[in-house]
C-alpha atoms as a PDB file:
ATOM      1  CA  UNK A   1     173.208 319.578 -75.639  1.00  0.00           C
ATOM      2  CA  UNK A   2     172.989 323.264 -74.711  1.00  0.00           C
ATOM      3  CA  UNK A   3     174.361 325.400 -71.884  1.00  0.00           C
ATOM      4  CA  UNK A   4     171.898 326.910 -69.405  1.00  0.00           C
ATOM      5  CA  UNK A   5     172.189 329.869 -67.057  1.00  0.00           C
ATOM      6  CA  UNK A   6     169.890 330.191 -64.061  1.00  0.00           C
ATOM      7  CA  UNK A   7     168.741 333.647 -62.998  1.00  0.00           C
ATOM      8  CA  UNK A   8     169.764 334.929 -59.579  1.00  0.00           C
ATOM      9  CA  UNK A   9     166.489 334.190 -57.816  1.00  0.00           C
ATOM     10  CA  UNK A  10     165.768 330.863 -59.470  1.00  0.00           C
ATOM     11  CA  UNK A  11     164.673 328.031 -57.182  1.00  0.00           C
ATOM     12  CA  UNK A  12     167.844 326.180 -56.197  1.00  0.00           C
ATOM     13  CA  UNK A  13     165.834 323.013 -55.482  1.00  0.00           C
ATOM     14  CA  UNK A  14     165.073 322.835 -59.196  1.00  0.00           C
ATOM     15  CA  UNK A  15     168.687 323.497 -60.144  1.00  0.00           C
ATOM     16  CA  UNK A  16     169.943 320.789 -57.771  1.00  0.00           C
ATOM     17  CA  UNK A  17     167.373 318.369 -59.180  1.00  0.00           C
ATOM     18  CA  UNK A  18     168.518 319.015 -62.749  1.00  0.00           C
ATOM     19  CA  UNK A  19     172.146 318.473 -61.706  1.00  0.00           C
ATOM     20  CA  UNK A  20     171.229 315.217 -59.923  1.00  0.00           C
ATOM     21  CA  UNK A  21     169.419 314.026 -62.999  1.00  0.00           C
ATOM     22  CA  UNK A  22     172.425 314.694 -65.233  1.00  0.00           C
ATOM     23  CA  UNK A  23     175.657 315.953 -63.633  1.00  0.00           C
ATOM     24  CA  UNK A  24     177.271 316.309 -67.078  1.00  0.00           C
ATOM     25  CA  UNK A  25     175.049 319.240 -68.070  1.00  0.00           C
ATOM     26  CA  UNK A  26     176.622 322.674 -68.545  1.00  0.00           C
ATOM     27  CA  UNK A  27     174.715 324.744 -65.963  1.00  0.00           C
ATOM     28  CA  UNK A  28     175.683 327.930 -64.144  1.00  0.00           C
ATOM     29  CA  UNK A  29     173.929 330.325 -61.778  1.00  0.00           C
ATOM     30  CA  UNK A  30     174.388 333.980 -62.716  1.00  0.00           C
ATOM     31  CA  UNK A  31     175.590 334.766 -59.185  1.00  0.00           C
ATOM     32  CA  UNK A  32     178.396 332.216 -59.642  1.00  0.00           C
ATOM     33  CA  UNK A  33     179.414 334.148 -62.759  1.00  0.00           C
ATOM     34  CA  UNK A  34     179.764 337.356 -60.723  1.00  0.00           C
ATOM     35  CA  UNK A  35     176.474 338.918 -61.815  1.00  0.00           C
ATOM     36  CA  UNK A  36     174.798 339.252 -58.408  1.00  0.00           C
ATOM     37  CA  UNK A  37     172.526 342.280 -58.387  1.00  0.00           C
ATOM     38  CA  UNK A  38     172.883 343.007 -62.101  1.00  0.00           C
ATOM     39  CA  UNK A  39     169.817 344.191 -63.988  1.00  0.00           C
ATOM     40  CA  UNK A  40     167.942 342.055 -66.505  1.00  0.00           C
ATOM     41  CA  UNK A  41     169.582 343.693 -69.532  1.00  0.00           C
ATOM     42  CA  UNK A  42     173.069 342.931 -68.199  1.00  0.00           C
ATOM     43  CA  UNK A  43     172.167 339.314 -67.404  1.00  0.00           C
ATOM     44  CA  UNK A  44     170.717 338.791 -70.886  1.00  0.00           C
ATOM     45  CA  UNK A  45     173.781 340.395 -72.498  1.00  0.00           C
ATOM     46  CA  UNK A  46     176.058 338.096 -70.498  1.00  0.00           C
ATOM     47  CA  UNK A  47     173.968 335.011 -71.406  1.00  0.00           C
ATOM     48  CA  UNK A  48     174.154 335.994 -75.082  1.00  0.00           C
ATOM     49  CA  UNK A  49     177.925 336.483 -74.919  1.00  0.00           C
ATOM     50  CA  UNK A  50     178.278 333.082 -73.225  1.00  0.00           C
ATOM     51  CA  UNK A  51     175.817 331.341 -75.570  1.00  0.00           C
ATOM     52  CA  UNK A  52     173.665 330.237 -72.632  1.00  0.00           C
ATOM     53  CA  UNK A  53     169.903 329.902 -72.640  1.00  0.00           C
ATOM     54  CA  UNK A  54     168.599 331.718 -69.576  1.00  0.00           C
ATOM     55  CA  UNK A  55     166.131 330.151 -67.134  1.00  0.00           C
ATOM     56  CA  UNK A  56     164.127 332.403 -64.824  1.00  0.00           C
ATOM     57  CA  UNK A  57     161.035 332.853 -62.694  1.00  0.00           C
ATOM     58  CA  UNK A  58     160.963 336.578 -63.569  1.00  0.00           C
ATOM     59  CA  UNK A  59     158.076 336.627 -66.018  1.00  0.00           C
ATOM     60  CA  UNK A  60     157.214 340.245 -65.167  1.00  0.00           C
ATOM     61  CA  UNK A  61     160.320 342.037 -66.439  1.00  0.00           C
ATOM     62  CA  UNK A  62     162.865 339.665 -67.975  1.00  0.00           C
ATOM     63  CA  UNK A  63     160.571 338.674 -70.829  1.00  0.00           C
ATOM     64  CA  UNK A  64     160.247 342.295 -71.978  1.00  0.00           C
ATOM     65  CA  UNK A  65     164.038 342.729 -71.942  1.00  0.00           C
ATOM     66  CA  UNK A  66     164.450 339.524 -73.953  1.00  0.00           C
ATOM     67  CA  UNK A  67     161.995 340.699 -76.607  1.00  0.00           C
ATOM     68  CA  UNK A  68     163.709 344.112 -76.672  1.00  0.00           C
ATOM     69  CA  UNK A  69     167.027 342.390 -77.498  1.00  0.00           C
ATOM     70  CA  UNK A  70     165.357 340.479 -80.317  1.00  0.00           C
ATOM     71  CA  UNK A  71     163.711 343.648 -81.664  1.00  0.00           C
ATOM     72  CA  UNK A  72     167.067 345.464 -81.581  1.00  0.00           C
ATOM     73  CA  UNK A  73     168.681 342.652 -83.575  1.00  0.00           C
ATOM     74  CA  UNK A  74     170.885 341.625 -80.655  1.00  0.00           C
ATOM     75  CA  UNK A  75     171.640 337.991 -79.889  1.00  0.00           C
ATOM     76  CA  UNK A  76     169.315 336.346 -77.387  1.00  0.00           C
ATOM     77  CA  UNK A  77     170.034 332.599 -77.142  1.00  0.00           C
ATOM     78  CA  UNK A  78     166.674 331.875 -75.544  1.00  0.00           C
ATOM     79  CA  UNK A  79     164.715 332.321 -72.340  1.00  0.00           C
ATOM     80  CA  UNK A  80     162.702 329.743 -70.446  1.00  0.00           C
ATOM     81  CA  UNK A  81     160.287 331.094 -67.859  1.00  0.00           C
ATOM     82  CA  UNK A  82     159.013 328.903 -65.033  1.00  0.00           C
ATOM     83  CA  UNK A  83     156.129 330.546 -63.216  1.00  0.00           C
ATOM     84  CA  UNK A  84     155.490 329.954 -59.524  1.00  0.00           C
ATOM     85  CA  UNK A  85     152.746 327.409 -60.208  1.00  0.00           C
ATOM     86  CA  UNK A  86     155.064 324.990 -62.048  1.00  0.00           C
ATOM     87  CA  UNK A  87     155.731 321.989 -59.783  1.00  0.00           C
ATOM     88  CA  UNK A  88     159.388 321.434 -58.924  1.00  0.00           C
ATOM     89  CA  UNK A  89     159.412 317.902 -60.384  1.00  0.00           C
ATOM     90  CA  UNK A  90     157.944 319.173 -63.659  1.00  0.00           C
ATOM     91  CA  UNK A  91     160.492 321.990 -63.891  1.00  0.00           C
ATOM     92  CA  UNK A  92     163.343 319.534 -63.267  1.00  0.00           C
ATOM     93  CA  UNK A  93     162.074 317.111 -65.902  1.00  0.00           C
ATOM     94  CA  UNK A  94     161.463 319.814 -68.507  1.00  0.00           C
ATOM     95  CA  UNK A  95     164.772 321.613 -67.981  1.00  0.00           C
ATOM     96  CA  UNK A  96     166.781 318.386 -68.108  1.00  0.00           C
ATOM     97  CA  UNK A  97     164.998 317.446 -71.334  1.00  0.00           C
ATOM     98  CA  UNK A  98     165.648 320.887 -72.838  1.00  0.00           C
ATOM     99  CA  UNK A  99     169.336 320.865 -71.908  1.00  0.00           C
ATOM    100  CA  UNK A 100     169.934 317.279 -73.037  1.00  0.00           C
ATOM    101  CA  UNK A 101     167.982 317.305 -76.293  1.00  0.00           C
ATOM    102  CA  UNK A 102     168.385 320.816 -77.683  1.00  0.00           C
ATOM    103  CA  UNK A 103     170.972 321.905 -80.192  1.00  0.00           C
ATOM    104  CA  UNK A 104     173.036 325.093 -79.860  1.00  0.00           C
ATOM    105  CA  UNK A 105     171.121 327.964 -81.439  1.00  0.00           C
ATOM    106  CA  UNK A 106     167.800 326.117 -81.405  1.00  0.00           C
ATOM    107  CA  UNK A 107     166.137 328.583 -79.006  1.00  0.00           C
ATOM    108  CA  UNK A 108     167.695 331.761 -80.455  1.00  0.00           C
ATOM    109  CA  UNK A 109     165.314 334.705 -80.118  1.00  0.00           C
ATOM    110  CA  UNK A 110     162.626 332.654 -78.379  1.00  0.00           C
ATOM    111  CA  UNK A 111     160.870 332.980 -75.042  1.00  0.00           C
ATOM    112  CA  UNK A 112     159.182 329.785 -73.845  1.00  0.00           C
ATOM    113  CA  UNK A 113     157.213 328.909 -70.751  1.00  0.00           C
ATOM    114  CA  UNK A 114     157.251 325.840 -68.555  1.00  0.00           C
ATOM    115  CA  UNK A 115     155.657 323.393 -68.377  1.00  0.00           C
ATOM    116  CA  UNK A 116     156.411 322.292 -71.948  1.00  0.00           C
ATOM    117  CA  UNK A 117     153.094 320.470 -72.277  1.00  0.00           C
END
């Protein structure tokens, strides 16, 4: 099982659905960690320090910051992007599967997009 962090503007309906599916998962919203209003680089640095794979809708800018961390040789435990066209039920199913079935370090340096199929 891995720990996930949800970006500040991530759809809370999806987050609540993942929690309902498995309340034992280690999930946190970045705003609950005191990172409200922080830029993408700061959020990625925090996620790396915490060993949390980040989940976001911010395909436009966060992806570039994630790749920049990888290029600089900095830790980046993984980023999952869920675009606006991904149905809520699909996002819930995919994120629960990722959190439940992944091993720590499995997504290091990777950016992936939902849906998984």
